[in-house]
PDB file of N, CA and C in Angstrom:
ATOM      1  N   UNK A   1     -36.090  19.825   3.904  1.00  0.00           N
ATOM      2  CA  UNK A   1     -35.455  19.054   4.803  1.00  0.00           C
ATOM      3  C   UNK A   1     -34.971  17.957   4.324  1.00  0.00           C
ATOM      4  N   UNK A   2     -33.906  17.471   4.876  1.00  0.00           N
ATOM      5  CA  UNK A   2     -32.968  15.960   4.610  1.00  0.00           C
ATOM      6  C   UNK A   2     -33.655  14.419   5.051  1.00  0.00           C
ATOM      7  N   UNK A   3     -34.656  14.087   4.364  1.00  0.00           N
ATOM      8  CA  UNK A   3     -35.285  12.974   5.316  1.00  0.00           C
ATOM      9  C   UNK A   3     -34.677  12.143   5.630  1.00  0.00           C
ATOM     10  N   UNK A   4     -33.638  11.406   4.428  1.00  0.00           N
ATOM     11  CA  UNK A   4     -32.914  10.573   4.556  1.00  0.00           C
ATOM     12  C   UNK A   4     -31.457  10.225   5.418  1.00  0.00           C
ATOM     13  N   UNK A   5     -31.454  11.883   6.096  1.00  0.00           N
ATOM     14  CA  UNK A   5     -30.415  11.764   6.817  1.00  0.00           C
ATOM     15  C   UNK A   5     -30.336  11.154   8.179  1.00  0.00           C
ATOM     16  N   UNK A   6     -31.624  10.849   8.811  1.00  0.00           N
ATOM     17  CA  UNK A   6     -32.402  10.776  10.122  1.00  0.00           C
ATOM     18  C   UNK A   6     -31.978   8.677  10.006  1.00  0.00           C
ATOM     19  N   UNK A   7     -31.334   8.804  10.923  1.00  0.00           N
ATOM     20  CA  UNK A   7     -31.528   7.374  11.229  1.00  0.00           C
ATOM     21  C   UNK A   7     -32.720   6.550  11.911  1.00  0.00           C
ATOM     22  N   UNK A   8     -32.969   5.198  11.708  1.00  0.00           N
ATOM     23  CA  UNK A   8     -34.623   4.859  11.677  1.00  0.00           C
ATOM     24  C   UNK A   8     -34.444   4.536  13.249  1.00  0.00           C
ATOM     25  N   UNK A   9     -33.421   5.097  14.492  1.00  0.00           N
ATOM     26  CA  UNK A   9     -34.015   5.583  15.278  1.00  0.00           C
ATOM     27  C   UNK A   9     -35.567   5.753  16.041  1.00  0.00           C
ATOM     28  N   UNK A  10     -35.500   6.382  15.076  1.00  0.00           N
ATOM     29  CA  UNK A  10     -37.164   7.134  15.642  1.00  0.00           C
ATOM     30  C   UNK A  10     -38.576   6.634  14.267  1.00  0.00           C
ATOM     31  N   UNK A  11     -39.322   6.629  15.234  1.00  0.00           N
ATOM     32  CA  UNK A  11     -40.318   5.932  13.873  1.00  0.00           C
ATOM     33  C   UNK A  11     -40.728   7.066  12.972  1.00  0.00           C
ATOM     34  N   UNK A  12     -40.441   6.245  11.524  1.00  0.00           N
ATOM     35  CA  UNK A  12     -41.322   6.943  10.313  1.00  0.00           C
ATOM     36  C   UNK A  12     -42.088   8.214  10.474  1.00  0.00           C
ATOM     37  N   UNK A  13     -42.887   8.346  11.354  1.00  0.00           N
ATOM     38  CA  UNK A  13     -43.526   9.523  11.649  1.00  0.00           C
ATOM     39  C   UNK A  13     -43.287  10.448  12.806  1.00  0.00           C
ATOM     40  N   UNK A  14     -41.936  10.212  12.917  1.00  0.00           N
ATOM     41  CA  UNK A  14     -41.064  11.641  13.735  1.00  0.00           C
ATOM     42  C   UNK A  14     -40.282  11.719  13.029  1.00  0.00           C
ATOM     43  N   UNK A  15     -39.430  11.367  12.424  1.00  0.00           N
ATOM     44  CA  UNK A  15     -38.185  11.994  11.907  1.00  0.00           C
ATOM     45  C   UNK A  15     -38.441  13.178  10.894  1.00  0.00           C
ATOM     46  N   UNK A  16     -39.817  13.293  10.584  1.00  0.00           N
ATOM     47  CA  UNK A  16     -39.680  14.804   9.901  1.00  0.00           C
ATOM     48  C   UNK A  16     -39.907  16.234  10.972  1.00  0.00           C
ATOM     49  N   UNK A  17     -40.585  15.486  11.983  1.00  0.00           N
ATOM     50  CA  UNK A  17     -40.670  16.842  13.208  1.00  0.00           C
ATOM     51  C   UNK A  17     -39.427  16.333  13.731  1.00  0.00           C
ATOM     52  N   UNK A  18     -38.861  15.692  13.788  1.00  0.00           N
ATOM     53  CA  UNK A  18     -37.300  15.720  14.769  1.00  0.00           C
ATOM     54  C   UNK A  18     -36.191  16.930  13.877  1.00  0.00           C
ATOM     55  N   UNK A  19     -36.294  16.618  12.364  1.00  0.00           N
ATOM     56  CA  UNK A  19     -35.628  17.285  11.488  1.00  0.00           C
ATOM     57  C   UNK A  19     -36.227  18.992  11.527  1.00  0.00           C
ATOM     58  N   UNK A  20     -37.690  18.690  11.784  1.00  0.00           N
ATOM     59  CA  UNK A  20     -38.275  20.897  12.106  1.00  0.00           C
ATOM     60  C   UNK A  20     -37.947  21.133  13.468  1.00  0.00           C
ATOM     61  N   UNK A  21     -37.833  20.602  14.428  1.00  0.00           N
ATOM     62  CA  UNK A  21     -37.160  20.725  15.694  1.00  0.00           C
ATOM     63  C   UNK A  21     -36.227  21.408  15.659  1.00  0.00           C
ATOM     64  N   UNK A  22     -35.223  20.392  15.267  1.00  0.00           N
ATOM     65  CA  UNK A  22     -33.891  20.675  14.895  1.00  0.00           C
ATOM     66  C   UNK A  22     -33.851  22.045  14.237  1.00  0.00           C
ATOM     67  N   UNK A  23     -34.132  22.300  13.093  1.00  0.00           N
ATOM     68  CA  UNK A  23     -33.988  23.389  12.546  1.00  0.00           C
ATOM     69  C   UNK A  23     -34.429  24.452  13.080  1.00  0.00           C
ATOM     70  N   UNK A  24     -35.232  24.555  13.900  1.00  0.00           N
ATOM     71  CA  UNK A  24     -35.881  25.577  14.737  1.00  0.00           C
ATOM     72  C   UNK A  24     -35.645  26.016  15.630  1.00  0.00           C
ATOM     73  N   UNK A  25     -34.348  25.166  16.366  1.00  0.00           N
ATOM     74  CA  UNK A  25     -33.540  25.112  17.486  1.00  0.00           C
ATOM     75  C   UNK A  25     -32.406  25.560  16.669  1.00  0.00           C
ATOM     76  N   UNK A  26     -31.681  25.476  15.577  1.00  0.00           N
ATOM     77  CA  UNK A  26     -30.590  26.262  15.485  1.00  0.00           C
ATOM     78  C   UNK A  26     -31.222  27.763  14.848  1.00  0.00           C
ATOM     79  N   UNK A  27     -32.037  28.083  14.458  1.00  0.00           N
ATOM     80  CA  UNK A  27     -32.868  29.152  13.693  1.00  0.00           C
ATOM     81  C   UNK A  27     -32.781  29.963  15.179  1.00  0.00           C
ATOM     82  N   UNK A  28     -33.171  29.666  16.165  1.00  0.00           N
ATOM     83  CA  UNK A  28     -33.672  30.576  17.563  1.00  0.00           C
ATOM     84  C   UNK A  28     -32.336  30.705  18.529  1.00  0.00           C
ATOM     85  N   UNK A  29     -31.134  29.600  17.821  1.00  0.00           N
ATOM     86  CA  UNK A  29     -29.850  29.922  18.756  1.00  0.00           C
ATOM     87  C   UNK A  29     -29.521  31.256  18.947  1.00  0.00           C
ATOM     88  N   UNK A  30     -29.366  31.666  20.126  1.00  0.00           N
ATOM     89  CA  UNK A  30     -28.683  32.838  20.071  1.00  0.00           C
ATOM     90  C   UNK A  30     -27.306  33.216  19.618  1.00  0.00           C
ATOM     91  N   UNK A  31     -27.047  34.234  19.125  1.00  0.00           N
ATOM     92  CA  UNK A  31     -25.949  34.472  18.171  1.00  0.00           C
ATOM     93  C   UNK A  31     -24.694  34.426  18.816  1.00  0.00           C
ATOM     94  N   UNK A  32     -24.888  34.494  20.225  1.00  0.00           N
ATOM     95  CA  UNK A  32     -23.771  34.923  20.705  1.00  0.00           C
ATOM     96  C   UNK A  32     -23.079  33.445  21.222  1.00  0.00           C
ATOM     97  N   UNK A  33     -23.756  32.678  21.233  1.00  0.00           N
ATOM     98  CA  UNK A  33     -23.250  31.053  21.514  1.00  0.00           C
ATOM     99  C   UNK A  33     -22.772  30.432  20.316  1.00  0.00           C
ATOM    100  N   UNK A  34     -22.030  31.030  19.113  1.00  0.00           N
ATOM    101  CA  UNK A  34     -21.749  30.255  18.195  1.00  0.00           C
ATOM    102  C   UNK A  34     -20.498  29.690  17.983  1.00  0.00           C
ATOM    103  N   UNK A  35     -20.431  27.981  18.370  1.00  0.00           N
ATOM    104  CA  UNK A  35     -19.403  27.580  19.014  1.00  0.00           C
ATOM    105  C   UNK A  35     -18.434  27.549  17.455  1.00  0.00           C
ATOM    106  N   UNK A  36     -17.040  27.388  17.565  1.00  0.00           N
ATOM    107  CA  UNK A  36     -15.696  27.202  17.003  1.00  0.00           C
ATOM    108  C   UNK A  36     -15.421  26.341  16.761  1.00  0.00           C
ATOM    109  N   UNK A  37     -14.522  25.889  15.703  1.00  0.00           N
ATOM    110  CA  UNK A  37     -13.853  24.957  15.465  1.00  0.00           C
ATOM    111  C   UNK A  37     -12.812  25.130  14.711  1.00  0.00           C
ATOM    112  N   UNK A  38     -11.397  25.201  15.626  1.00  0.00           N
ATOM    113  CA  UNK A  38     -10.155  25.398  15.462  1.00  0.00           C
ATOM    114  C   UNK A  38     -10.306  26.865  15.052  1.00  0.00           C
ATOM    115  N   UNK A  39     -10.819  27.963  15.831  1.00  0.00           N
ATOM    116  CA  UNK A  39     -11.033  29.414  15.246  1.00  0.00           C
ATOM    117  C   UNK A  39     -12.007  29.819  14.172  1.00  0.00           C
ATOM    118  N   UNK A  40     -12.504  28.650  13.197  1.00  0.00           N
ATOM    119  CA  UNK A  40     -13.278  29.364  12.348  1.00  0.00           C
ATOM    120  C   UNK A  40     -14.767  28.743  13.590  1.00  0.00           C
ATOM    121  N   UNK A  41     -16.350  29.985  12.831  1.00  0.00           N
ATOM    122  CA  UNK A  41     -17.528  29.471  13.453  1.00  0.00           C
ATOM    123  C   UNK A  41     -17.983  28.671  12.430  1.00  0.00           C
ATOM    124  N   UNK A  42     -18.599  27.672  12.859  1.00  0.00           N
ATOM    125  CA  UNK A  42     -19.397  26.524  11.896  1.00  0.00           C
ATOM    126  C   UNK A  42     -20.678  27.302  12.182  1.00  0.00           C
ATOM    127  N   UNK A  43     -21.137  26.791  10.656  1.00  0.00           N
ATOM    128  CA  UNK A  43     -22.377  27.341   9.682  1.00  0.00           C
ATOM    129  C   UNK A  43     -24.045  26.695  11.009  1.00  0.00           C
ATOM    130  N   UNK A  44     -24.844  27.102  10.608  1.00  0.00           N
ATOM    131  CA  UNK A  44     -26.298  26.808  10.796  1.00  0.00           C
ATOM    132  C   UNK A  44     -26.147  24.799   9.884  1.00  0.00           C
ATOM    133  N   UNK A  45     -25.906  25.317   9.046  1.00  0.00           N
ATOM    134  CA  UNK A  45     -25.669  23.333   8.395  1.00  0.00           C
ATOM    135  C   UNK A  45     -24.748  22.443   8.461  1.00  0.00           C
ATOM    136  N   UNK A  46     -23.822  23.415   8.802  1.00  0.00           N
ATOM    137  CA  UNK A  46     -22.574  22.263   9.686  1.00  0.00           C
ATOM    138  C   UNK A  46     -23.000  21.966  10.789  1.00  0.00           C
ATOM    139  N   UNK A  47     -23.895  22.789  11.859  1.00  0.00           N
ATOM    140  CA  UNK A  47     -24.251  22.202  12.957  1.00  0.00           C
ATOM    141  C   UNK A  47     -25.537  21.464  12.822  1.00  0.00           C
ATOM    142  N   UNK A  48     -26.283  21.556  11.873  1.00  0.00           N
ATOM    143  CA  UNK A  48     -27.131  20.434  11.867  1.00  0.00           C
ATOM    144  C   UNK A  48     -27.113  19.325  11.022  1.00  0.00           C
ATOM    145  N   UNK A  49     -25.699  19.284  10.575  1.00  0.00           N
ATOM    146  CA  UNK A  49     -25.446  18.169   9.613  1.00  0.00           C
ATOM    147  C   UNK A  49     -24.876  17.299  11.321  1.00  0.00           C
ATOM    148  N   UNK A  50     -24.388  18.157  11.891  1.00  0.00           N
ATOM    149  CA  UNK A  50     -23.524  17.299  12.973  1.00  0.00           C
ATOM    150  C   UNK A  50     -24.451  16.513  13.870  1.00  0.00           C
ATOM    151  N   UNK A  51     -25.877  17.703  14.071  1.00  0.00           N
ATOM    152  CA  UNK A  51     -26.573  16.856  14.793  1.00  0.00           C
ATOM    153  C   UNK A  51     -27.360  15.796  14.285  1.00  0.00           C
ATOM    154  N   UNK A  52     -27.601  15.531  12.846  1.00  0.00           N
ATOM    155  CA  UNK A  52     -28.130  14.840  12.340  1.00  0.00           C
ATOM    156  C   UNK A  52     -27.383  13.307  12.488  1.00  0.00           C
ATOM    157  N   UNK A  53     -25.984  13.748  12.278  1.00  0.00           N
ATOM    158  CA  UNK A  53     -24.772  12.248  12.273  1.00  0.00           C
ATOM    159  C   UNK A  53     -25.070  11.807  14.262  1.00  0.00           C
ATOM    160  N   UNK A  54     -25.186  12.842  15.285  1.00  0.00           N
ATOM    161  CA  UNK A  54     -25.264  12.575  16.099  1.00  0.00           C
ATOM    162  C   UNK A  54     -26.658  11.820  16.866  1.00  0.00           C
ATOM    163  N   UNK A  55     -27.457  11.419  15.889  1.00  0.00           N
ATOM    164  CA  UNK A  55     -28.940  11.469  16.195  1.00  0.00           C
ATOM    165  C   UNK A  55     -29.202  10.345  17.013  1.00  0.00           C
ATOM    166  N   UNK A  56     -28.009   8.935  16.504  1.00  0.00           N
ATOM    167  CA  UNK A  56     -28.376   8.166  17.561  1.00  0.00           C
ATOM    168  C   UNK A  56     -27.903   7.983  18.679  1.00  0.00           C
ATOM    169  N   UNK A  57     -27.060   9.099  19.227  1.00  0.00           N
ATOM    170  CA  UNK A  57     -26.711   9.168  20.639  1.00  0.00           C
ATOM    171  C   UNK A  57     -27.667   9.928  21.038  1.00  0.00           C
ATOM    172  N   UNK A  58     -28.682  11.099  20.192  1.00  0.00           N
ATOM    173  CA  UNK A  58     -29.441  11.694  21.128  1.00  0.00           C
ATOM    174  C   UNK A  58     -30.658  11.366  21.197  1.00  0.00           C
ATOM    175  N   UNK A  59     -30.911  10.022  20.238  1.00  0.00           N
ATOM    176  CA  UNK A  59     -32.461   9.697  20.543  1.00  0.00           C
ATOM    177  C   UNK A  59     -32.201   8.754  21.633  1.00  0.00           C
ATOM    178  N   UNK A  60     -30.565   8.117  21.866  1.00  0.00           N
ATOM    179  CA  UNK A  60     -30.277   6.549  22.725  1.00  0.00           C
ATOM    180  C   UNK A  60     -30.436   7.360  24.025  1.00  0.00           C
ATOM    181  N   UNK A  61     -29.991   8.866  24.283  1.00  0.00           N
ATOM    182  CA  UNK A  61     -30.092   9.709  25.677  1.00  0.00           C
ATOM    183  C   UNK A  61     -31.358   9.737  26.106  1.00  0.00           C
ATOM    184  N   UNK A  62     -32.334  10.084  24.890  1.00  0.00           N
ATOM    185  CA  UNK A  62     -33.690  10.334  25.367  1.00  0.00           C
ATOM    186  C   UNK A  62     -34.573   9.287  24.993  1.00  0.00           C
ATOM    187  N   UNK A  63     -34.350   8.140  24.828  1.00  0.00           N
ATOM    188  CA  UNK A  63     -35.065   6.730  24.723  1.00  0.00           C
ATOM    189  C   UNK A  63     -36.141   6.533  25.813  1.00  0.00           C
ATOM    190  N   UNK A  64     -35.875   6.958  26.782  1.00  0.00           N
ATOM    191  CA  UNK A  64     -37.002   6.592  28.022  1.00  0.00           C
ATOM    192  C   UNK A  64     -38.047   7.788  27.746  1.00  0.00           C
ATOM    193  N   UNK A  65     -37.672   8.971  27.537  1.00  0.00           N
ATOM    194  CA  UNK A  65     -38.697   9.626  27.416  1.00  0.00           C
ATOM    195  C   UNK A  65     -39.179   9.514  26.097  1.00  0.00           C
ATOM    196  N   UNK A  66     -38.782   9.272  24.990  1.00  0.00           N
ATOM    197  CA  UNK A  66     -39.404   8.716  23.558  1.00  0.00           C
ATOM    198  C   UNK A  66     -40.381   7.896  23.366  1.00  0.00           C
ATOM    199  N   UNK A  67     -40.003   6.639  24.384  1.00  0.00           N
ATOM    200  CA  UNK A  67     -40.233   5.166  24.587  1.00  0.00           C
ATOM    201  C   UNK A  67     -42.177   5.768  25.403  1.00  0.00           C
ATOM    202  N   UNK A  68     -41.930   6.740  26.295  1.00  0.00           N
ATOM    203  CA  UNK A  68     -42.923   6.952  27.037  1.00  0.00           C
ATOM    204  C   UNK A  68     -43.863   7.615  26.400  1.00  0.00           C
ATOM    205  N   UNK A  69     -43.481   8.845  25.334  1.00  0.00           N
ATOM    206  CA  UNK A  69     -44.146   9.591  24.764  1.00  0.00           C
ATOM    207  C   UNK A  69     -44.570   8.866  23.445  1.00  0.00           C
ATOM    208  N   UNK A  70     -44.226   7.930  22.950  1.00  0.00           N
ATOM    209  CA  UNK A  70     -45.117   6.947  21.823  1.00  0.00           C
ATOM    210  C   UNK A  70     -46.227   6.074  22.615  1.00  0.00           C
ATOM    211  N   UNK A  71     -45.757   5.661  23.563  1.00  0.00           N
ATOM    212  CA  UNK A  71     -46.874   4.904  24.918  1.00  0.00           C
ATOM    213  C   UNK A  71     -47.970   5.614  24.728  1.00  0.00           C
ATOM    214  N   UNK A  72     -47.557   6.741  25.300  1.00  0.00           N
ATOM    215  CA  UNK A  72     -49.141   7.751  25.592  1.00  0.00           C
ATOM    216  C   UNK A  72     -49.850   8.111  24.355  1.00  0.00           C
ATOM    217  N   UNK A  73     -48.953   8.532  23.119  1.00  0.00           N
ATOM    218  CA  UNK A  73     -49.684   9.085  21.846  1.00  0.00           C
ATOM    219  C   UNK A  73     -50.361   7.826  21.514  1.00  0.00           C
ATOM    220  N   UNK A  74     -49.895   6.437  21.746  1.00  0.00           N
ATOM    221  CA  UNK A  74     -50.860   5.315  20.937  1.00  0.00           C
ATOM    222  C   UNK A  74     -51.836   5.080  21.768  1.00  0.00           C
ATOM    223  N   UNK A  75     -52.300   5.155  23.157  1.00  0.00           N
ATOM    224  CA  UNK A  75     -52.867   4.954  23.909  1.00  0.00           C
ATOM    225  C   UNK A  75     -54.135   6.264  23.612  1.00  0.00           C
ATOM    226  N   UNK A  76     -53.825   7.398  23.474  1.00  0.00           N
ATOM    227  CA  UNK A  76     -54.700   8.371  22.857  1.00  0.00           C
ATOM    228  C   UNK A  76     -55.049   8.562  21.525  1.00  0.00           C
ATOM    229  N   UNK A  77     -54.381   7.228  20.744  1.00  0.00           N
ATOM    230  CA  UNK A  77     -55.423   7.354  19.341  1.00  0.00           C
ATOM    231  C   UNK A  77     -55.982   6.352  19.798  1.00  0.00           C
ATOM    232  N   UNK A  78     -56.255   5.152  20.433  1.00  0.00           N
ATOM    233  CA  UNK A  78     -57.079   3.696  20.640  1.00  0.00           C
ATOM    234  C   UNK A  78     -58.549   4.830  20.771  1.00  0.00           C
ATOM    235  N   UNK A  79     -59.409   4.448  20.180  1.00  0.00           N
ATOM    236  CA  UNK A  79     -60.969   4.293  20.357  1.00  0.00           C
ATOM    237  C   UNK A  79     -61.137   4.036  22.205  1.00  0.00           C
ATOM    238  N   UNK A  80     -62.121   4.940  22.435  1.00  0.00           N
ATOM    239  CA  UNK A  80     -62.749   4.449  23.999  1.00  0.00           C
ATOM    240  C   UNK A  80     -63.065   3.609  24.009  1.00  0.00           C
ATOM    241  N   UNK A  81     -63.666   2.682  24.756  1.00  0.00           N
ATOM    242  CA  UNK A  81     -64.188   1.790  24.902  1.00  0.00           C
ATOM    243  C   UNK A  81     -65.965   1.983  24.874  1.00  0.00           C
ATOM    244  N   UNK A  82     -66.384   1.279  24.475  1.00  0.00           N
ATOM    245  CA  UNK A  82     -68.139   1.386  24.390  1.00  0.00           C
ATOM    246  C   UNK A  82     -68.541   1.836  26.131  1.00  0.00           C
ATOM    247  N   UNK A  83     -69.206   3.007  26.118  1.00  0.00           N
ATOM    248  CA  UNK A  83     -69.970   3.040  27.594  1.00  0.00           C
ATOM    249  C   UNK A  83     -68.745   3.987  28.407  1.00  0.00           C
ATOM    250  N   UNK A  84     -67.525   4.241  28.091  1.00  0.00           N
ATOM    251  CA  UNK A  84     -66.790   4.700  28.407  1.00  0.00           C
ATOM    252  C   UNK A  84     -67.012   6.362  28.649  1.00  0.00           C
ATOM    253  N   UNK A  85     -66.494   6.990  29.347  1.00  0.00           N
ATOM    254  CA  UNK A  85     -67.037   8.673  29.294  1.00  0.00           C
ATOM    255  C   UNK A  85     -65.965   8.739  28.342  1.00  0.00           C
ATOM    256  N   UNK A  86     -66.231  10.258  27.966  1.00  0.00           N
ATOM    257  CA  UNK A  86     -65.269  10.747  26.973  1.00  0.00           C
ATOM    258  C   UNK A  86     -64.298  11.887  27.490  1.00  0.00           C
ATOM    259  N   UNK A  87     -63.265  11.777  27.559  1.00  0.00           N
ATOM    260  CA  UNK A  87     -62.206  12.744  28.188  1.00  0.00           C
ATOM    261  C   UNK A  87     -62.196  14.195  27.221  1.00  0.00           C
ATOM    262  N   UNK A  88     -62.670  15.096  27.701  1.00  0.00           N
ATOM    263  CA  UNK A  88     -62.658  16.296  27.170  1.00  0.00           C
ATOM    264  C   UNK A  88     -61.934  17.601  28.076  1.00  0.00           C
ATOM    265  N   UNK A  89     -61.296  18.391  27.026  1.00  0.00           N
ATOM    266  CA  UNK A  89     -60.639  19.233  28.010  1.00  0.00           C
ATOM    267  C   UNK A  89     -59.629  19.173  28.810  1.00  0.00           C
ATOM    268  N   UNK A  90     -59.253  19.862  29.803  1.00  0.00           N
ATOM    269  CA  UNK A  90     -57.943  19.582  30.356  1.00  0.00           C
ATOM    270  C   UNK A  90     -58.251  18.397  31.675  1.00  0.00           C
ATOM    271  N   UNK A  91     -58.434  17.132  31.440  1.00  0.00           N
ATOM    272  CA  UNK A  91     -58.532  15.851  31.577  1.00  0.00           C
ATOM    273  C   UNK A  91     -59.312  16.074  32.674  1.00  0.00           C
ATOM    274  N   UNK A  92     -60.581  16.369  32.351  1.00  0.00           N
ATOM    275  CA  UNK A  92     -62.519  16.426  32.439  1.00  0.00           C
ATOM    276  C   UNK A  92     -62.866  15.370  31.749  1.00  0.00           C
ATOM    277  N   UNK A  93     -63.638  14.045  32.867  1.00  0.00           N
ATOM    278  CA  UNK A  93     -64.028  13.336  32.053  1.00  0.00           C
ATOM    279  C   UNK A  93     -65.646  13.905  31.963  1.00  0.00           C
ATOM    280  N   UNK A  94     -66.426  13.979  30.381  1.00  0.00           N
ATOM    281  CA  UNK A  94     -67.730  14.356  30.874  1.00  0.00           C
ATOM    282  C   UNK A  94     -68.688  13.292  30.128  1.00  0.00           C
ATOM    283  N   UNK A  95     -69.864  12.765  30.939  1.00  0.00           N
ATOM    284  CA  UNK A  95     -70.411  11.328  29.924  1.00  0.00           C
ATOM    285  C   UNK A  95     -70.916  11.705  28.589  1.00  0.00           C
ATOM    286  N   UNK A  96     -70.906  10.351  27.730  1.00  0.00           N
ATOM    287  CA  UNK A  96     -71.501  10.422  26.828  1.00  0.00           C
ATOM    288  C   UNK A  96     -72.926  10.892  26.709  1.00  0.00           C
ATOM    289  N   UNK A  97     -73.446  11.875  26.069  1.00  0.00           N
ATOM    290  CA  UNK A  97     -74.526  12.438  26.049  1.00  0.00           C
ATOM    291  C   UNK A  97     -75.741  11.618  25.691  1.00  0.00           C
ATOM    292  N   UNK A  98     -75.703  10.780  24.800  1.00  0.00           N
ATOM    293  CA  UNK A  98     -75.845   9.580  24.596  1.00  0.00           C
ATOM    294  C   UNK A  98     -76.422   8.620  25.045  1.00  0.00           C
ATOM    295  N   UNK A  99     -75.256   8.520  26.286  1.00  0.00           N
ATOM    296  CA  UNK A  99     -76.036   7.290  27.355  1.00  0.00           C
ATOM    297  C   UNK A  99     -76.569   7.568  28.294  1.00  0.00           C
ATOM    298  N   UNK A 100     -76.744   9.091  28.747  1.00  0.00           N
ATOM    299  CA  UNK A 100     -77.268   9.706  29.117  1.00  0.00           C
ATOM    300  C   UNK A 100     -78.857  10.089  29.082  1.00  0.00           C
ATOM    301  N   UNK A 101     -78.972   9.589  27.971  1.00  0.00           N
ATOM    302  CA  UNK A 101     -80.689  10.173  27.637  1.00  0.00           C
ATOM    303  C   UNK A 101     -81.501   9.242  28.526  1.00  0.00           C
ATOM    304  N   UNK A 102     -82.886  10.166  28.386  1.00  0.00           N
ATOM    305  CA  UNK A 102     -84.093   9.343  29.465  1.00  0.00           C
ATOM    306  C   UNK A 102     -85.110   8.798  28.660  1.00  0.00           C
TER     307      UNK A 102
END
């Protein structure tokens, strides 16, 4: 991975994931959709470089969604207040077993 090639528009913890997803997208792209420049096919590395150079534009276009993602992630990382039910599974709240002992 080329960590220094991603601008600072992403949080440090998200840069590596950004590049991993970019690489995965380039590997899984259908072969018949290869773009051309003046009659020459672009290599995966050329496409990757172009996408990394356009990171500022890409992150600006997704800024609202990215900020929402970061806010939700931070909220989930915060410890639950004392006495609050723990959230488990798919949106189900289960009471803390220690709080319900008789």
